[in-house]
Amino acid sequence: AQKSASRFLEEDVKAFTIESRNVLIAQAVIPSIEDIACTAQQIEEALEEQALRKGADLFVMVFTDILQKGSYFYFGGPLKSVLETTEQTPLFMEHVLSRKNQILPWITNRLKDAL
């Protein structure tokens, strides 16, 4: 069965405090981005709604794609503009697989530079 965007956002979420801000990072390991039935818009709407509900300054959804050996990023919450690029959503980062060793340091650095 296909999962809704909000289901993905509830499964593997970790909370972090970065620069005194409440940051939530959800990660789903998937065989391929093609396996996601939700549209980018649905994911972003769910991120906005959950960020508001959970009082998060930033909510990041990461889909780690095994076949592409990288991760797709979606952002929600008041601080999402810090991480969003002018490129098309989602942002894809090759060889970025680890929330703890790669994703968290990247988000931390971006927030430190912006705040």
N, C-alpha and C. Protein backbone atom coordinates (compact mmCIF):
# COMPACT_ATOMS: atom_id res chain seq x y z
N ALA A 1 0.84 -1.20 0.00
CA ALA A 1 0.00 0.00 0.00
C ALA A 1 0.87 1.26 0.00
N GLN A 2 0.44 2.25 -0.74
CA GLN A 2 1.18 3.51 -0.81
C GLN A 2 0.92 4.33 0.45
N LYS A 3 1.92 5.04 0.89
CA LYS A 3 1.77 5.87 2.08
C LYS A 3 1.44 7.30 1.70
N SER A 4 0.66 7.94 2.57
CA SER A 4 0.37 9.36 2.37
C SER A 4 1.59 10.16 2.83
N ALA A 5 1.63 11.41 2.42
CA ALA A 5 2.74 12.28 2.81
C ALA A 5 2.84 12.38 4.33
N SER A 6 1.70 12.52 5.01
CA SER A 6 1.75 12.68 6.46
C SER A 6 2.23 11.40 7.16
N ARG A 7 1.98 10.23 6.57
CA ARG A 7 2.49 8.98 7.15
C ARG A 7 4.01 8.97 7.13
N PHE A 8 4.62 9.41 6.03
CA PHE A 8 6.07 9.47 5.95
C PHE A 8 6.63 10.40 7.04
N LEU A 9 5.91 11.48 7.30
CA LEU A 9 6.39 12.48 8.26
C LEU A 9 6.25 12.04 9.71
N GLU A 10 5.59 10.92 9.94
CA GLU A 10 5.40 10.46 11.31
C GLU A 10 6.25 9.25 11.64
N GLU A 11 6.86 8.64 10.64
CA GLU A 11 7.52 7.36 10.88
C GLU A 11 8.87 7.44 11.55
N ASP A 12 9.80 8.14 10.98
CA ASP A 12 11.15 8.19 11.55
C ASP A 12 11.57 9.65 11.67
N VAL A 13 11.06 10.29 12.71
CA VAL A 13 11.32 11.72 12.91
C VAL A 13 12.21 11.90 14.13
N LYS A 14 13.23 12.70 13.97
CA LYS A 14 14.09 13.03 15.11
C LYS A 14 14.07 14.54 15.29
N ALA A 15 14.04 14.96 16.55
CA ALA A 15 14.01 16.40 16.87
C ALA A 15 15.40 16.86 17.29
N PHE A 16 15.79 18.03 16.81
CA PHE A 16 17.09 18.61 17.14
C PHE A 16 16.89 20.08 17.50
N THR A 17 17.76 20.60 18.34
CA THR A 17 17.79 22.03 18.60
C THR A 17 19.05 22.56 17.94
N ILE A 18 18.88 23.41 16.94
CA ILE A 18 20.01 23.98 16.21
C ILE A 18 19.88 25.50 16.27
N GLU A 19 20.90 26.16 16.79
CA GLU A 19 20.86 27.62 16.92
C GLU A 19 19.58 28.06 17.65
N SER A 20 19.23 27.35 18.72
CA SER A 20 18.04 27.63 19.53
C SER A 20 16.73 27.47 18.77
N ARG A 21 16.76 26.79 17.65
CA ARG A 21 15.54 26.56 16.86
C ARG A 21 15.15 25.09 16.93
N ASN A 22 13.85 24.86 16.87
CA ASN A 22 13.31 23.50 16.90
C ASN A 22 13.28 22.95 15.47
N VAL A 23 14.12 21.94 15.23
CA VAL A 23 14.24 21.37 13.89
C VAL A 23 13.86 19.89 13.93
N LEU A 24 12.96 19.49 13.04
CA LEU A 24 12.57 18.09 12.91
C LEU A 24 13.10 17.56 11.58
N ILE A 25 13.69 16.38 11.64
CA ILE A 25 14.19 15.75 10.42
C ILE A 25 13.60 14.35 10.33
N ALA A 26 12.80 14.14 9.28
CA ALA A 26 12.22 12.82 9.03
C ALA A 26 12.99 12.19 7.88
N GLN A 27 13.25 10.90 7.98
CA GLN A 27 13.98 10.23 6.91
C GLN A 27 13.27 8.93 6.56
N ALA A 28 13.12 8.68 5.27
CA ALA A 28 12.57 7.42 4.79
C ALA A 28 13.54 6.85 3.76
N VAL A 29 13.95 5.61 3.97
CA VAL A 29 14.82 4.95 3.00
C VAL A 29 13.90 4.21 2.04
N ILE A 30 14.05 4.50 0.76
CA ILE A 30 13.16 3.95 -0.26
C ILE A 30 13.99 3.32 -1.39
N PRO A 31 13.42 2.33 -2.07
CA PRO A 31 14.16 1.73 -3.18
C PRO A 31 14.41 2.74 -4.30
N SER A 32 13.41 3.59 -4.55
CA SER A 32 13.51 4.57 -5.62
C SER A 32 12.50 5.68 -5.39
N ILE A 33 12.83 6.90 -5.81
CA ILE A 33 11.92 8.04 -5.65
C ILE A 33 10.60 7.78 -6.40
N GLU A 34 10.68 6.92 -7.40
CA GLU A 34 9.47 6.57 -8.18
C GLU A 34 8.43 5.86 -7.31
N ASP A 35 8.86 5.31 -6.19
CA ASP A 35 7.95 4.56 -5.31
C ASP A 35 7.05 5.46 -4.47
N ILE A 36 7.32 6.75 -4.48
CA ILE A 36 6.52 7.67 -3.68
C ILE A 36 5.30 8.11 -4.47
N ALA A 37 4.13 7.86 -3.89
CA ALA A 37 2.89 8.18 -4.60
C ALA A 37 2.49 9.64 -4.42
N CYS A 38 3.09 10.32 -3.45
CA CYS A 38 2.71 11.71 -3.18
C CYS A 38 3.42 12.67 -4.12
N THR A 39 2.78 13.78 -4.40
CA THR A 39 3.42 14.82 -5.21
C THR A 39 4.27 15.70 -4.29
N ALA A 40 5.19 16.45 -4.88
CA ALA A 40 6.01 17.39 -4.11
C ALA A 40 5.12 18.36 -3.34
N GLN A 41 4.05 18.80 -3.99
CA GLN A 41 3.13 19.75 -3.35
C GLN A 41 2.47 19.12 -2.12
N GLN A 42 2.05 17.86 -2.23
CA GLN A 42 1.41 17.18 -1.09
C GLN A 42 2.40 17.05 0.07
N ILE A 43 3.64 16.72 -0.24
CA ILE A 43 4.66 16.56 0.80
C ILE A 43 4.91 17.91 1.48
N GLU A 44 5.04 18.96 0.68
CA GLU A 44 5.30 20.29 1.25
C GLU A 44 4.13 20.79 2.09
N GLU A 45 2.91 20.53 1.64
CA GLU A 45 1.74 20.93 2.42
C GLU A 45 1.70 20.19 3.76
N ALA A 46 2.01 18.89 3.73
CA ALA A 46 2.03 18.10 4.96
C ALA A 46 3.14 18.60 5.89
N LEU A 47 4.29 18.97 5.33
CA LEU A 47 5.39 19.51 6.14
C LEU A 47 4.99 20.81 6.83
N GLU A 48 4.32 21.69 6.09
CA GLU A 48 3.86 22.96 6.66
C GLU A 48 2.89 22.72 7.81
N GLU A 49 1.95 21.83 7.56
CA GLU A 49 0.92 21.52 8.56
C GLU A 49 1.55 20.91 9.82
N GLN A 50 2.45 19.95 9.64
CA GLN A 50 3.09 19.28 10.78
C GLN A 50 4.01 20.24 11.53
N ALA A 51 4.74 21.10 10.81
CA ALA A 51 5.63 22.06 11.46
C ALA A 51 4.82 22.98 12.36
N LEU A 52 3.68 23.42 11.86
CA LEU A 52 2.80 24.30 12.62
C LEU A 52 2.28 23.57 13.86
N ARG A 53 1.82 22.34 13.65
CA ARG A 53 1.23 21.56 14.74
C ARG A 53 2.25 21.22 15.82
N LYS A 54 3.49 20.94 15.40
CA LYS A 54 4.51 20.51 16.36
C LYS A 54 5.40 21.65 16.83
N GLY A 55 5.10 22.86 16.39
CA GLY A 55 5.88 24.01 16.82
C GLY A 55 7.32 23.99 16.32
N ALA A 56 7.53 23.43 15.14
CA ALA A 56 8.88 23.35 14.58
C ALA A 56 9.19 24.59 13.74
N ASP A 57 10.40 25.10 13.88
CA ASP A 57 10.85 26.21 13.04
C ASP A 57 11.21 25.70 11.65
N LEU A 58 11.60 24.44 11.60
CA LEU A 58 11.99 23.83 10.33
C LEU A 58 11.66 22.34 10.39
N PHE A 59 11.02 21.84 9.33
CA PHE A 59 10.74 20.41 9.24
C PHE A 59 11.31 19.96 7.90
N VAL A 60 12.24 19.02 7.96
CA VAL A 60 12.90 18.52 6.76
C VAL A 60 12.50 17.07 6.54
N MET A 61 12.03 16.77 5.34
CA MET A 61 11.72 15.38 4.96
C MET A 61 12.79 14.93 3.99
N VAL A 62 13.45 13.83 4.33
CA VAL A 62 14.52 13.29 3.49
C VAL A 62 14.10 11.92 2.99
N PHE A 63 14.09 11.76 1.68
CA PHE A 63 13.86 10.45 1.08
C PHE A 63 15.20 9.97 0.56
N THR A 64 15.75 8.94 1.20
CA THR A 64 17.03 8.40 0.78
C THR A 64 16.78 7.29 -0.23
N ASP A 65 17.26 7.52 -1.44
CA ASP A 65 17.00 6.67 -2.59
C ASP A 65 18.18 5.71 -2.78
N ILE A 66 17.92 4.43 -2.55
CA ILE A 66 18.97 3.41 -2.62
C ILE A 66 19.56 3.31 -4.02
N LEU A 67 18.70 3.32 -5.04
CA LEU A 67 19.19 3.17 -6.42
C LEU A 67 20.03 4.35 -6.88
N GLN A 68 19.61 5.56 -6.50
CA GLN A 68 20.33 6.78 -6.92
C GLN A 68 21.52 7.10 -6.01
N LYS A 69 21.62 6.36 -4.88
CA LYS A 69 22.69 6.60 -3.90
C LYS A 69 22.75 8.07 -3.46
N GLY A 70 21.60 8.56 -3.06
CA GLY A 70 21.52 9.94 -2.61
C GLY A 70 20.19 10.19 -1.94
N SER A 71 19.96 11.47 -1.59
CA SER A 71 18.74 11.81 -0.88
C SER A 71 18.04 13.01 -1.50
N TYR A 72 16.71 12.96 -1.44
CA TYR A 72 15.84 14.05 -1.89
C TYR A 72 15.34 14.79 -0.66
N PHE A 73 15.36 16.11 -0.71
CA PHE A 73 14.99 16.93 0.43
C PHE A 73 13.76 17.78 0.15
N TYR A 74 12.85 17.82 1.12
CA TYR A 74 11.69 18.70 1.10
C TYR A 74 11.70 19.48 2.42
N PHE A 75 11.25 20.73 2.38
CA PHE A 75 11.33 21.59 3.56
C PHE A 75 9.99 22.23 3.88
N GLY A 76 9.75 22.40 5.19
CA GLY A 76 8.56 23.10 5.65
C GLY A 76 8.87 23.89 6.90
N GLY A 77 7.98 24.80 7.25
CA GLY A 77 8.16 25.60 8.46
C GLY A 77 8.71 26.98 8.16
N PRO A 78 8.71 27.86 9.17
CA PRO A 78 9.12 29.26 8.99
C PRO A 78 10.54 29.44 8.45
N LEU A 79 11.44 28.50 8.73
CA LEU A 79 12.83 28.66 8.29
C LEU A 79 13.17 27.93 6.98
N LYS A 80 12.15 27.43 6.30
CA LYS A 80 12.44 26.63 5.11
C LYS A 80 13.20 27.40 4.03
N SER A 81 13.02 28.70 3.97
CA SER A 81 13.70 29.50 2.94
C SER A 81 15.22 29.47 3.10
N VAL A 82 15.69 29.16 4.31
CA VAL A 82 17.14 29.07 4.56
C VAL A 82 17.74 27.90 3.77
N LEU A 83 16.99 26.84 3.62
CA LEU A 83 17.51 25.64 2.97
C LEU A 83 17.06 25.47 1.54
N GLU A 84 15.93 26.07 1.19
CA GLU A 84 15.43 25.91 -0.17
C GLU A 84 16.36 26.60 -1.15
N THR A 85 16.53 25.99 -2.28
CA THR A 85 17.35 26.60 -3.32
C THR A 85 16.41 27.07 -4.42
N THR A 86 16.93 27.81 -5.36
CA THR A 86 16.10 28.28 -6.46
C THR A 86 15.86 27.15 -7.46
N GLU A 87 16.60 26.05 -7.27
CA GLU A 87 16.41 24.90 -8.15
C GLU A 87 15.05 24.29 -7.89
N GLN A 88 14.70 23.38 -8.77
CA GLN A 88 13.42 22.70 -8.66
C GLN A 88 13.38 21.83 -7.40
N THR A 89 12.21 21.73 -6.80
CA THR A 89 12.00 20.84 -5.67
C THR A 89 11.75 19.44 -6.23
N PRO A 90 12.23 18.40 -5.64
CA PRO A 90 13.05 18.40 -4.44
C PRO A 90 14.53 18.61 -4.75
N LEU A 91 15.24 19.05 -3.74
CA LEU A 91 16.69 19.16 -3.83
C LEU A 91 17.24 17.74 -3.74
N PHE A 92 18.16 17.39 -4.63
CA PHE A 92 18.78 16.06 -4.58
C PHE A 92 20.26 16.21 -4.28
N MET A 93 20.75 15.45 -3.30
CA MET A 93 22.17 15.46 -2.97
C MET A 93 22.73 14.06 -3.11
N GLU A 94 23.66 13.93 -4.03
CA GLU A 94 24.30 12.63 -4.28
C GLU A 94 25.16 12.21 -3.10
N HIS A 95 25.19 10.92 -2.84
CA HIS A 95 26.04 10.32 -1.79
C HIS A 95 25.73 10.84 -0.39
N VAL A 96 24.57 11.45 -0.20
CA VAL A 96 24.16 11.89 1.14
C VAL A 96 23.12 10.89 1.63
N LEU A 97 23.53 10.07 2.61
CA LEU A 97 22.67 8.99 3.08
C LEU A 97 22.44 9.02 4.59
N SER A 98 23.37 9.58 5.34
CA SER A 98 23.31 9.52 6.80
C SER A 98 22.77 10.80 7.42
N ARG A 99 21.68 10.66 8.19
CA ARG A 99 21.10 11.82 8.86
C ARG A 99 22.11 12.39 9.84
N LYS A 100 22.72 11.52 10.64
CA LYS A 100 23.62 11.98 11.69
C LYS A 100 24.93 12.56 11.14
N ASN A 101 25.55 11.88 10.20
CA ASN A 101 26.89 12.27 9.74
C ASN A 101 26.91 13.27 8.58
N GLN A 102 25.82 13.35 7.82
CA GLN A 102 25.82 14.22 6.64
C GLN A 102 24.70 15.26 6.66
N ILE A 103 23.48 14.82 6.89
CA ILE A 103 22.32 15.71 6.77
C ILE A 103 22.30 16.73 7.91
N LEU A 104 22.46 16.26 9.15
CA LEU A 104 22.42 17.17 10.30
C LEU A 104 23.52 18.23 10.23
N PRO A 105 24.78 17.86 9.92
CA PRO A 105 25.82 18.91 9.81
C PRO A 105 25.53 19.93 8.71
N TRP A 106 24.98 19.47 7.58
CA TRP A 106 24.65 20.38 6.48
C TRP A 106 23.58 21.38 6.91
N ILE A 107 22.51 20.89 7.55
CA ILE A 107 21.44 21.77 8.02
C ILE A 107 21.98 22.73 9.08
N THR A 108 22.79 22.21 10.00
CA THR A 108 23.37 23.04 11.07
C THR A 108 24.19 24.19 10.47
N ASN A 109 25.03 23.88 9.50
CA ASN A 109 25.87 24.92 8.87
C ASN A 109 25.03 25.96 8.16
N ARG A 110 24.00 25.51 7.45
CA ARG A 110 23.13 26.46 6.74
C ARG A 110 22.42 27.39 7.71
N LEU A 111 21.93 26.85 8.81
CA LEU A 111 21.23 27.67 9.81
C LEU A 111 22.20 28.63 10.50
N LYS A 112 23.40 28.15 10.81
CA LYS A 112 24.39 29.03 11.46
C LYS A 112 24.74 30.21 10.57
N ASP A 113 24.85 29.95 9.27
CA ASP A 113 25.18 31.03 8.33
C ASP A 113 24.04 32.04 8.19
N ALA A 114 22.81 31.55 8.34
CA ALA A 114 21.64 32.41 8.07
C ALA A 114 21.12 33.14 9.30
N LEU A 115 21.33 32.59 10.48
CA LEU A 115 20.71 33.16 11.68
C LEU A 115 21.67 34.02 12.49
